[in-house]
Amino acid sequence: MTTTVEKAIKMLSRAVNVSTGLLHPNDMNKARELFSILHKNGEVLVKSEVSQSAISHGWRPEDADELGSIAQQIGEGKAARVKDGPWWKSDIYAQLMAS
């Protein structure tokens, strides 16, 4: 996993309620949009890596597994259905790269 993906998971972990995983629709939308941005910028999203990183940032294993599944699906080209938003600033990828 690249450091950019790791930073993104850390950022997502601060932006959502990790104690409830992706139960809240806004949290799900944030995750989908962020992974879509990463994918569009050429980042490789692997379920096991995303899940492990999420666990290290306080996610429960079952929620981290769901997050990893979503990331991999988007990484494989599945369209991310994101409602409302945008949930992230337009320059979020540049911010992740710069930090």
C-alpha atoms as a PDB file:
ATOM      1  CA  MET A   1       0.000   0.000   0.000  1.00  0.00           C
ATOM      2  CA  THR A   2       1.272   3.449  -0.826  1.00  0.00           C
ATOM      3  CA  THR A   3       1.749   6.067   1.844  1.00  0.00           C
ATOM      4  CA  THR A   4      -0.979   8.111   0.124  1.00  0.00           C
ATOM      5  CA  VAL A   5      -3.550   5.351   0.684  1.00  0.00           C
ATOM      6  CA  GLU A   6      -2.362   4.973   4.272  1.00  0.00           C
ATOM      7  CA  LYS A   7      -2.759   8.719   4.841  1.00  0.00           C
ATOM      8  CA  ALA A   8      -6.225   8.584   3.278  1.00  0.00           C
ATOM      9  CA  ILE A   9      -7.350   5.825   5.637  1.00  0.00           C
ATOM     10  CA  LYS A  10      -5.983   7.778   8.582  1.00  0.00           C
ATOM     11  CA  MET A  11      -7.852  10.882   7.388  1.00  0.00           C
ATOM     12  CA  LEU A  12     -11.050   8.891   6.857  1.00  0.00           C
ATOM     13  CA  SER A  13     -10.693   7.395  10.327  1.00  0.00           C
ATOM     14  CA  ARG A  14     -10.680  10.890  11.806  1.00  0.00           C
ATOM     15  CA  ALA A  15     -13.680  11.964   9.700  1.00  0.00           C
ATOM     16  CA  VAL A  16     -16.071   9.116  10.495  1.00  0.00           C
ATOM     17  CA  ASN A  17     -17.342   7.473  13.652  1.00  0.00           C
ATOM     18  CA  VAL A  18     -15.131   4.379  13.701  1.00  0.00           C
ATOM     19  CA  SER A  19     -17.102   2.911  16.609  1.00  0.00           C
ATOM     20  CA  THR A  20     -20.071   2.428  14.257  1.00  0.00           C
ATOM     21  CA  GLY A  21     -18.088   1.675  11.114  1.00  0.00           C
ATOM     22  CA  LEU A  22     -19.902   2.723   7.976  1.00  0.00           C
ATOM     23  CA  LEU A  23     -23.374   2.435   9.489  1.00  0.00           C
ATOM     24  CA  HIS A  24     -24.181   6.112   8.990  1.00  0.00           C
ATOM     25  CA  PRO A  25     -24.875   6.971   5.322  1.00  0.00           C
ATOM     26  CA  ASN A  26     -22.640  10.043   5.474  1.00  0.00           C
ATOM     27  CA  ASP A  27     -19.714   7.913   6.650  1.00  0.00           C
ATOM     28  CA  MET A  28     -20.337   5.433   3.828  1.00  0.00           C
ATOM     29  CA  ASN A  29     -20.455   8.286   1.306  1.00  0.00           C
ATOM     30  CA  LYS A  30     -17.189   9.716   2.634  1.00  0.00           C
ATOM     31  CA  ALA A  31     -15.471   6.347   2.260  1.00  0.00           C
ATOM     32  CA  ARG A  32     -16.823   5.705  -1.234  1.00  0.00           C
ATOM     33  CA  GLU A  33     -15.903   9.164  -2.461  1.00  0.00           C
ATOM     34  CA  LEU A  34     -12.406   9.010  -0.997  1.00  0.00           C
ATOM     35  CA  PHE A  35     -11.680   5.600  -2.514  1.00  0.00           C
ATOM     36  CA  SER A  36     -13.057   6.797  -5.844  1.00  0.00           C
ATOM     37  CA  ILE A  37     -10.679   9.777  -5.759  1.00  0.00           C
ATOM     38  CA  LEU A  38      -7.762   7.487  -4.932  1.00  0.00           C
ATOM     39  CA  HIS A  39      -8.683   5.085  -7.732  1.00  0.00           C
ATOM     40  CA  LYS A  40      -9.052   7.897 -10.284  1.00  0.00           C
ATOM     41  CA  ASN A  41      -5.533   8.997  -9.362  1.00  0.00           C
ATOM     42  CA  GLY A  42      -4.053   5.566 -10.014  1.00  0.00           C
ATOM     43  CA  GLU A  43      -3.840   4.264  -6.460  1.00  0.00           C
ATOM     44  CA  VAL A  44      -4.133   0.493  -6.023  1.00  0.00           C
ATOM     45  CA  LEU A  45      -6.733  -0.494  -3.437  1.00  0.00           C
ATOM     46  CA  VAL A  46      -6.317  -3.959  -1.935  1.00  0.00           C
ATOM     47  CA  LYS A  47      -8.881  -5.223   0.567  1.00  0.00           C
ATOM     48  CA  SER A  48      -6.448  -6.856   2.982  1.00  0.00           C
ATOM     49  CA  GLU A  49      -4.169  -3.822   3.112  1.00  0.00           C
ATOM     50  CA  VAL A  50      -7.020  -1.352   3.610  1.00  0.00           C
ATOM     51  CA  SER A  51      -8.588  -3.568   6.281  1.00  0.00           C
ATOM     52  CA  GLN A  52      -5.327  -3.935   8.186  1.00  0.00           C
ATOM     53  CA  SER A  53      -4.676  -0.212   8.051  1.00  0.00           C
ATOM     54  CA  ALA A  54      -8.201   0.535   9.258  1.00  0.00           C
ATOM     55  CA  ILE A  55      -7.737  -1.800  12.234  1.00  0.00           C
ATOM     56  CA  SER A  56      -4.528   0.023  13.119  1.00  0.00           C
ATOM     57  CA  HIS A  57      -6.564   3.258  13.132  1.00  0.00           C
ATOM     58  CA  GLY A  58      -9.159   1.967  15.564  1.00  0.00           C
ATOM     59  CA  TRP A  59     -11.734   0.226  13.351  1.00  0.00           C
ATOM     60  CA  ARG A  60     -13.352  -2.985  14.602  1.00  0.00           C
ATOM     61  CA  PRO A  61     -12.288  -5.983  12.473  1.00  0.00           C
ATOM     62  CA  GLU A  62     -15.735  -6.515  10.918  1.00  0.00           C
ATOM     63  CA  ASP A  63     -16.019  -2.822   9.998  1.00  0.00           C
ATOM     64  CA  ALA A  64     -12.461  -2.776   8.660  1.00  0.00           C
ATOM     65  CA  ASP A  65     -13.324  -5.797   6.512  1.00  0.00           C
ATOM     66  CA  GLU A  66     -16.328  -3.945   5.056  1.00  0.00           C
ATOM     67  CA  LEU A  67     -14.162  -0.890   4.379  1.00  0.00           C
ATOM     68  CA  GLY A  68     -11.561  -3.069   2.646  1.00  0.00           C
ATOM     69  CA  SER A  69     -14.241  -4.695   0.489  1.00  0.00           C
ATOM     70  CA  ILE A  70     -15.581  -1.318  -0.621  1.00  0.00           C
ATOM     71  CA  ALA A  71     -12.082  -0.081  -1.390  1.00  0.00           C
ATOM     72  CA  GLN A  72     -11.222  -3.119  -3.484  1.00  0.00           C
ATOM     73  CA  GLN A  73     -14.500  -2.997  -5.415  1.00  0.00           C
ATOM     74  CA  ILE A  74     -13.902   0.643  -6.293  1.00  0.00           C
ATOM     75  CA  GLY A  75     -10.272  -0.162  -7.059  1.00  0.00           C
ATOM     76  CA  GLU A  76     -11.475  -2.800  -9.509  1.00  0.00           C
ATOM     77  CA  GLY A  77     -13.573  -0.210 -11.312  1.00  0.00           C
ATOM     78  CA  LYS A  78     -16.982  -0.561  -9.693  1.00  0.00           C
ATOM     79  CA  ALA A  79     -18.774   2.780  -9.776  1.00  0.00           C
ATOM     80  CA  ALA A  80     -18.993   4.443  -6.396  1.00  0.00           C
ATOM     81  CA  ARG A  81     -22.557   5.500  -5.655  1.00  0.00           C
ATOM     82  CA  VAL A  82     -22.048   8.635  -3.594  1.00  0.00           C
ATOM     83  CA  LYS A  83     -25.046  10.639  -2.464  1.00  0.00           C
ATOM     84  CA  ASP A  84     -24.968  14.323  -1.674  1.00  0.00           C
ATOM     85  CA  GLY A  85     -21.520  15.752  -1.178  1.00  0.00           C
ATOM     86  CA  PRO A  86     -18.932  16.438  -2.230  1.00  0.00           C
ATOM     87  CA  TRP A  87     -17.629  15.050   1.014  1.00  0.00           C
ATOM     88  CA  TRP A  88     -13.995  15.998   0.425  1.00  0.00           C
ATOM     89  CA  LYS A  89     -12.353  19.162  -0.860  1.00  0.00           C
ATOM     90  CA  SER A  90     -11.526  19.143  -4.562  1.00  0.00           C
ATOM     91  CA  ASP A  91      -7.792  19.150  -3.790  1.00  0.00           C
ATOM     92  CA  ILE A  92      -7.873  16.294  -1.268  1.00  0.00           C
ATOM     93  CA  TYR A  93      -5.575  14.096  -3.338  1.00  0.00           C
ATOM     94  CA  ALA A  94      -3.001  16.878  -3.611  1.00  0.00           C
ATOM     95  CA  GLN A  95      -3.264  17.400   0.160  1.00  0.00           C
ATOM     96  CA  LEU A  96      -2.630  13.714   0.778  1.00  0.00           C
ATOM     97  CA  MET A  97       0.365  13.750  -1.558  1.00  0.00           C
ATOM     98  CA  ALA A  98       1.821  16.867   0.084  1.00  0.00           C
ATOM     99  CA  SER A  99       1.429  15.779   3.695  1.00  0.00           C
END
